[in-house]
Amino acid sequence: YFLARILQFQFYKGLCDAAGYKGPLHQCSFYGNKEAGQKFWAMLSKGASQPWQATLKEITGGDKLDAGPMIEYFTPVNEWLKQQNQGQMCGWQPPAAAAAAPKAP
C-alpha cells in the first residue's frame, strides 16, 4: 500500500514528462496526450512479465523508488501550511507536574 502511493506519484511525473509538461507538477494534465498515453499503455501491457524495476525504468527513467515527485506535488500545500502554522506550537508538551518530577532509576 505504501509503495503504491510512492509509485503513483513517480508514474504521474513520468507521464507528465512524457507529455512535455514544464509547469508545477500539481497542475499537470496529460489528458489526451499521445506520447503519455502510449507510455502508459506500454507499461500496462507488460503486466507481470518483467520485474517491476524494469517497468518503473521504462516509464520514469529510473529503477529506484523515489518520493521526490510526491514531495514536489505537495510543495504548494506544504508551503501554505508552514505559513499558516508560523509561530504556532506543534506537537505535545508534557504536563508541568510530570516534567518537574524526578525520574525513577
N, C-alpha and C. Protein backbone atom coordinates (compact mmCIF):
# COMPACT_ATOMS: atom_id res chain seq x y z
N TYR A 1 0.82 -1.19 0.00
CA TYR A 1 0.00 0.00 0.00
C TYR A 1 0.87 1.25 0.00
N PHE A 2 1.88 1.28 0.88
CA PHE A 2 2.72 2.46 0.98
C PHE A 2 3.57 2.64 -0.28
N LEU A 3 4.09 1.55 -0.80
CA LEU A 3 4.87 1.62 -2.03
C LEU A 3 4.02 2.09 -3.20
N ALA A 4 2.78 1.67 -3.23
CA ALA A 4 1.88 2.08 -4.31
C ALA A 4 1.70 3.59 -4.32
N ARG A 5 1.64 4.20 -3.16
CA ARG A 5 1.47 5.66 -3.08
C ARG A 5 2.68 6.37 -3.67
N ILE A 6 3.88 5.89 -3.35
CA ILE A 6 5.10 6.49 -3.90
C ILE A 6 5.15 6.28 -5.41
N LEU A 7 4.87 5.04 -5.84
CA LEU A 7 4.89 4.74 -7.27
C LEU A 7 3.86 5.55 -8.05
N GLN A 8 2.72 5.80 -7.45
CA GLN A 8 1.67 6.59 -8.10
C GLN A 8 2.22 7.95 -8.54
N PHE A 9 2.94 8.61 -7.66
CA PHE A 9 3.47 9.93 -7.98
C PHE A 9 4.66 9.84 -8.93
N GLN A 10 5.44 8.78 -8.84
CA GLN A 10 6.52 8.58 -9.81
C GLN A 10 5.95 8.38 -11.22
N PHE A 11 4.92 7.57 -11.33
CA PHE A 11 4.29 7.35 -12.63
C PHE A 11 3.68 8.65 -13.16
N TYR A 12 3.02 9.37 -12.28
CA TYR A 12 2.39 10.63 -12.67
C TYR A 12 3.43 11.60 -13.24
N LYS A 13 4.56 11.74 -12.54
CA LYS A 13 5.61 12.64 -13.03
C LYS A 13 6.19 12.12 -14.34
N GLY A 14 6.38 10.81 -14.44
CA GLY A 14 6.90 10.23 -15.68
C GLY A 14 5.98 10.51 -16.86
N LEU A 15 4.68 10.42 -16.64
CA LEU A 15 3.73 10.69 -17.72
C LEU A 15 3.66 12.19 -18.04
N CYS A 16 3.79 13.03 -17.03
CA CYS A 16 3.84 14.48 -17.27
C CYS A 16 5.08 14.82 -18.09
N ASP A 17 6.22 14.20 -17.75
CA ASP A 17 7.44 14.41 -18.52
C ASP A 17 7.27 13.95 -19.95
N ALA A 18 6.64 12.78 -20.14
CA ALA A 18 6.41 12.25 -21.49
C ALA A 18 5.54 13.19 -22.31
N ALA A 19 4.61 13.87 -21.64
CA ALA A 19 3.72 14.80 -22.32
C ALA A 19 4.40 16.14 -22.61
N GLY A 20 5.61 16.34 -22.06
CA GLY A 20 6.33 17.58 -22.28
C GLY A 20 5.92 18.71 -21.36
N TYR A 21 5.24 18.39 -20.28
CA TYR A 21 4.76 19.41 -19.35
C TYR A 21 5.94 20.01 -18.59
N LYS A 22 5.94 21.34 -18.43
CA LYS A 22 7.06 22.04 -17.79
C LYS A 22 6.65 22.92 -16.61
N GLY A 23 5.44 22.84 -16.12
CA GLY A 23 4.99 23.69 -15.02
C GLY A 23 5.01 22.98 -13.69
N PRO A 24 4.33 23.56 -12.69
CA PRO A 24 4.23 22.91 -11.38
C PRO A 24 3.55 21.55 -11.51
N LEU A 25 4.10 20.55 -10.85
CA LEU A 25 3.60 19.18 -11.01
C LEU A 25 2.14 19.05 -10.65
N HIS A 26 1.68 19.77 -9.63
CA HIS A 26 0.28 19.63 -9.20
C HIS A 26 -0.71 20.18 -10.23
N GLN A 27 -0.22 20.88 -11.24
CA GLN A 27 -1.11 21.42 -12.28
C GLN A 27 -1.03 20.64 -13.59
N CYS A 28 -0.24 19.58 -13.61
CA CYS A 28 -0.05 18.81 -14.84
C CYS A 28 -1.30 18.00 -15.20
N SER A 29 -1.62 18.02 -16.47
CA SER A 29 -2.63 17.12 -17.02
C SER A 29 -2.08 16.58 -18.33
N PHE A 30 -2.01 15.28 -18.44
CA PHE A 30 -1.57 14.67 -19.68
C PHE A 30 -2.75 14.07 -20.44
N TYR A 31 -3.95 14.51 -20.07
CA TYR A 31 -5.18 14.05 -20.73
C TYR A 31 -5.07 14.28 -22.24
N GLY A 32 -5.31 13.25 -23.02
CA GLY A 32 -5.32 13.35 -24.47
C GLY A 32 -3.95 13.40 -25.12
N ASN A 33 -2.87 13.31 -24.34
CA ASN A 33 -1.53 13.37 -24.91
C ASN A 33 -1.13 11.99 -25.41
N LYS A 34 -0.79 11.89 -26.69
CA LYS A 34 -0.49 10.59 -27.29
C LYS A 34 0.77 9.95 -26.74
N GLU A 35 1.82 10.75 -26.52
CA GLU A 35 3.07 10.19 -26.01
C GLU A 35 2.87 9.61 -24.61
N ALA A 36 2.21 10.35 -23.75
CA ALA A 36 1.96 9.86 -22.39
C ALA A 36 1.06 8.63 -22.44
N GLY A 37 0.05 8.65 -23.30
CA GLY A 37 -0.86 7.51 -23.43
C GLY A 37 -0.15 6.26 -23.91
N GLN A 38 0.74 6.41 -24.89
CA GLN A 38 1.49 5.26 -25.39
C GLN A 38 2.40 4.68 -24.31
N LYS A 39 3.04 5.57 -23.55
CA LYS A 39 3.92 5.12 -22.47
C LYS A 39 3.11 4.38 -21.39
N PHE A 40 1.95 4.92 -21.08
CA PHE A 40 1.09 4.31 -20.07
C PHE A 40 0.62 2.92 -20.51
N TRP A 41 0.12 2.81 -21.75
CA TRP A 41 -0.37 1.52 -22.23
C TRP A 41 0.76 0.50 -22.40
N ALA A 42 1.95 0.98 -22.77
CA ALA A 42 3.09 0.07 -22.87
C ALA A 42 3.42 -0.51 -21.50
N MET A 43 3.33 0.34 -20.46
CA MET A 43 3.58 -0.12 -19.10
C MET A 43 2.52 -1.16 -18.69
N LEU A 44 1.25 -0.84 -18.93
CA LEU A 44 0.18 -1.76 -18.54
C LEU A 44 0.26 -3.09 -19.29
N SER A 45 0.68 -3.05 -20.53
CA SER A 45 0.72 -4.28 -21.33
C SER A 45 1.79 -5.26 -20.85
N LYS A 46 2.77 -4.76 -20.10
CA LYS A 46 3.81 -5.65 -19.57
C LYS A 46 3.25 -6.58 -18.51
N GLY A 47 2.25 -6.13 -17.78
CA GLY A 47 1.69 -6.95 -16.71
C GLY A 47 2.77 -7.38 -15.74
N ALA A 48 2.82 -8.65 -15.43
CA ALA A 48 3.83 -9.19 -14.51
C ALA A 48 4.93 -9.92 -15.28
N SER A 49 5.14 -9.54 -16.55
CA SER A 49 6.09 -10.26 -17.40
C SER A 49 7.55 -9.89 -17.14
N GLN A 50 7.79 -8.84 -16.38
CA GLN A 50 9.16 -8.44 -16.08
C GLN A 50 9.20 -7.88 -14.66
N PRO A 51 10.40 -7.76 -14.07
CA PRO A 51 10.50 -7.18 -12.73
C PRO A 51 9.96 -5.75 -12.72
N TRP A 52 9.36 -5.35 -11.60
CA TRP A 52 8.75 -4.04 -11.52
C TRP A 52 9.76 -2.93 -11.71
N GLN A 53 11.03 -3.17 -11.35
CA GLN A 53 12.05 -2.15 -11.51
C GLN A 53 12.27 -1.81 -13.00
N ALA A 54 12.18 -2.83 -13.87
CA ALA A 54 12.33 -2.59 -15.30
C ALA A 54 11.16 -1.77 -15.84
N THR A 55 9.96 -2.08 -15.38
CA THR A 55 8.79 -1.31 -15.81
C THR A 55 8.87 0.12 -15.30
N LEU A 56 9.30 0.29 -14.06
CA LEU A 56 9.46 1.62 -13.50
C LEU A 56 10.46 2.43 -14.32
N LYS A 57 11.56 1.80 -14.71
CA LYS A 57 12.58 2.50 -15.51
C LYS A 57 12.02 2.93 -16.87
N GLU A 58 11.18 2.10 -17.45
CA GLU A 58 10.60 2.44 -18.76
C GLU A 58 9.71 3.67 -18.69
N ILE A 59 9.00 3.84 -17.60
CA ILE A 59 8.05 4.96 -17.51
C ILE A 59 8.66 6.21 -16.87
N THR A 60 9.67 6.02 -15.99
CA THR A 60 10.22 7.18 -15.27
C THR A 60 11.67 7.48 -15.61
N GLY A 61 12.37 6.52 -16.18
CA GLY A 61 13.79 6.70 -16.46
C GLY A 61 14.69 6.22 -15.33
N GLY A 62 14.11 5.85 -14.20
CA GLY A 62 14.88 5.34 -13.07
C GLY A 62 14.28 4.04 -12.56
N ASP A 63 15.10 3.25 -11.88
CA ASP A 63 14.60 1.96 -11.39
C ASP A 63 14.53 1.88 -9.88
N LYS A 64 14.60 3.02 -9.21
CA LYS A 64 14.53 3.06 -7.74
C LYS A 64 13.29 3.84 -7.30
N LEU A 65 12.74 3.45 -6.15
CA LEU A 65 11.64 4.22 -5.57
C LEU A 65 12.15 5.61 -5.22
N ASP A 66 11.33 6.61 -5.47
CA ASP A 66 11.72 8.00 -5.22
C ASP A 66 10.50 8.78 -4.75
N ALA A 67 10.56 9.29 -3.53
CA ALA A 67 9.45 10.08 -3.00
C ALA A 67 9.51 11.53 -3.49
N GLY A 68 10.54 11.89 -4.25
CA GLY A 68 10.68 13.26 -4.75
C GLY A 68 9.47 13.79 -5.49
N PRO A 69 8.88 13.01 -6.42
CA PRO A 69 7.69 13.51 -7.11
C PRO A 69 6.51 13.77 -6.17
N MET A 70 6.36 12.97 -5.11
CA MET A 70 5.28 13.20 -4.15
C MET A 70 5.53 14.50 -3.40
N ILE A 71 6.78 14.72 -2.99
CA ILE A 71 7.13 15.95 -2.30
C ILE A 71 6.92 17.16 -3.21
N GLU A 72 7.34 17.02 -4.47
CA GLU A 72 7.16 18.11 -5.44
C GLU A 72 5.69 18.44 -5.64
N TYR A 73 4.86 17.41 -5.75
CA TYR A 73 3.43 17.60 -5.97
C TYR A 73 2.79 18.38 -4.81
N PHE A 74 3.17 18.04 -3.58
CA PHE A 74 2.55 18.66 -2.42
C PHE A 74 3.29 19.89 -1.89
N THR A 75 4.32 20.36 -2.58
CA THR A 75 5.08 21.53 -2.13
C THR A 75 4.19 22.76 -1.91
N PRO A 76 3.26 23.10 -2.80
CA PRO A 76 2.45 24.29 -2.55
C PRO A 76 1.63 24.21 -1.26
N VAL A 77 1.03 23.09 -0.98
CA VAL A 77 0.23 22.97 0.24
C VAL A 77 1.15 22.93 1.46
N ASN A 78 2.34 22.35 1.32
CA ASN A 78 3.28 22.32 2.43
C ASN A 78 3.75 23.74 2.77
N GLU A 79 4.03 24.55 1.76
CA GLU A 79 4.42 25.94 1.99
C GLU A 79 3.29 26.73 2.64
N TRP A 80 2.07 26.49 2.19
CA TRP A 80 0.91 27.16 2.77
C TRP A 80 0.75 26.78 4.25
N LEU A 81 0.92 25.50 4.54
CA LEU A 81 0.79 25.04 5.92
C LEU A 81 1.88 25.64 6.82
N LYS A 82 3.10 25.74 6.29
CA LYS A 82 4.17 26.38 7.06
C LYS A 82 3.80 27.82 7.40
N GLN A 83 3.24 28.52 6.42
CA GLN A 83 2.83 29.91 6.63
C GLN A 83 1.70 29.98 7.66
N GLN A 84 0.71 29.12 7.53
CA GLN A 84 -0.43 29.13 8.44
C GLN A 84 -0.03 28.78 9.87
N ASN A 85 0.97 27.92 10.01
CA ASN A 85 1.38 27.44 11.34
C ASN A 85 2.54 28.22 11.93
N GLN A 86 2.98 29.26 11.24
CA GLN A 86 4.11 30.04 11.74
C GLN A 86 3.79 30.61 13.12
N GLY A 87 4.70 30.39 14.04
CA GLY A 87 4.53 30.87 15.40
C GLY A 87 3.65 29.98 16.28
N GLN A 88 3.11 28.92 15.73
CA GLN A 88 2.26 28.01 16.48
C GLN A 88 3.11 26.87 17.04
N MET A 89 2.72 26.37 18.20
CA MET A 89 3.38 25.23 18.78
C MET A 89 2.74 23.97 18.21
N CYS A 90 3.53 23.15 17.58
CA CYS A 90 3.02 21.89 17.03
C CYS A 90 3.54 20.74 17.87
N GLY A 91 2.70 19.77 18.12
CA GLY A 91 3.10 18.62 18.92
C GLY A 91 2.48 18.68 20.31
N TRP A 92 3.05 17.93 21.22
CA TRP A 92 2.52 17.85 22.58
C TRP A 92 3.59 18.28 23.56
N GLN A 93 3.15 18.88 24.65
CA GLN A 93 4.05 19.19 25.75
C GLN A 93 3.61 18.36 26.95
N PRO A 94 4.58 17.84 27.69
CA PRO A 94 4.19 17.05 28.86
C PRO A 94 3.56 17.96 29.92
N PRO A 95 2.66 17.41 30.72
CA PRO A 95 2.10 18.21 31.82
C PRO A 95 3.23 18.73 32.71
N ALA A 96 3.07 19.92 33.26
CA ALA A 96 4.12 20.55 34.05
C ALA A 96 4.55 19.67 35.22
N ALA A 97 3.62 19.01 35.89
CA ALA A 97 3.95 18.17 37.04
C ALA A 97 4.81 16.98 36.61
N ALA A 98 4.50 16.39 35.49
CA ALA A 98 5.26 15.23 35.03
C ALA A 98 6.65 15.64 34.59
N ALA A 99 6.78 16.82 34.02
CA ALA A 99 8.09 17.28 33.56
C ALA A 99 8.99 17.62 34.72
N ALA A 100 8.42 18.11 35.84
CA ALA A 100 9.21 18.52 37.00
C ALA A 100 9.53 17.35 37.93
N ALA A 101 8.80 16.25 37.83
CA ALA A 101 9.01 15.10 38.72
C ALA A 101 10.36 14.44 38.44
N PRO A 102 11.05 13.99 39.50
CA PRO A 102 12.32 13.31 39.30
C PRO A 102 12.09 11.97 38.60
N LYS A 103 13.03 11.59 37.80
CA LYS A 103 12.94 10.34 37.05
C LYS A 103 13.35 9.17 37.93
N ALA A 104 12.64 8.05 37.82
CA ALA A 104 12.96 6.84 38.58
C ALA A 104 14.20 6.18 37.98
N PRO A 105 15.03 5.55 38.84
CA PRO A 105 16.25 4.89 38.32
C PRO A 105 15.94 3.67 37.50
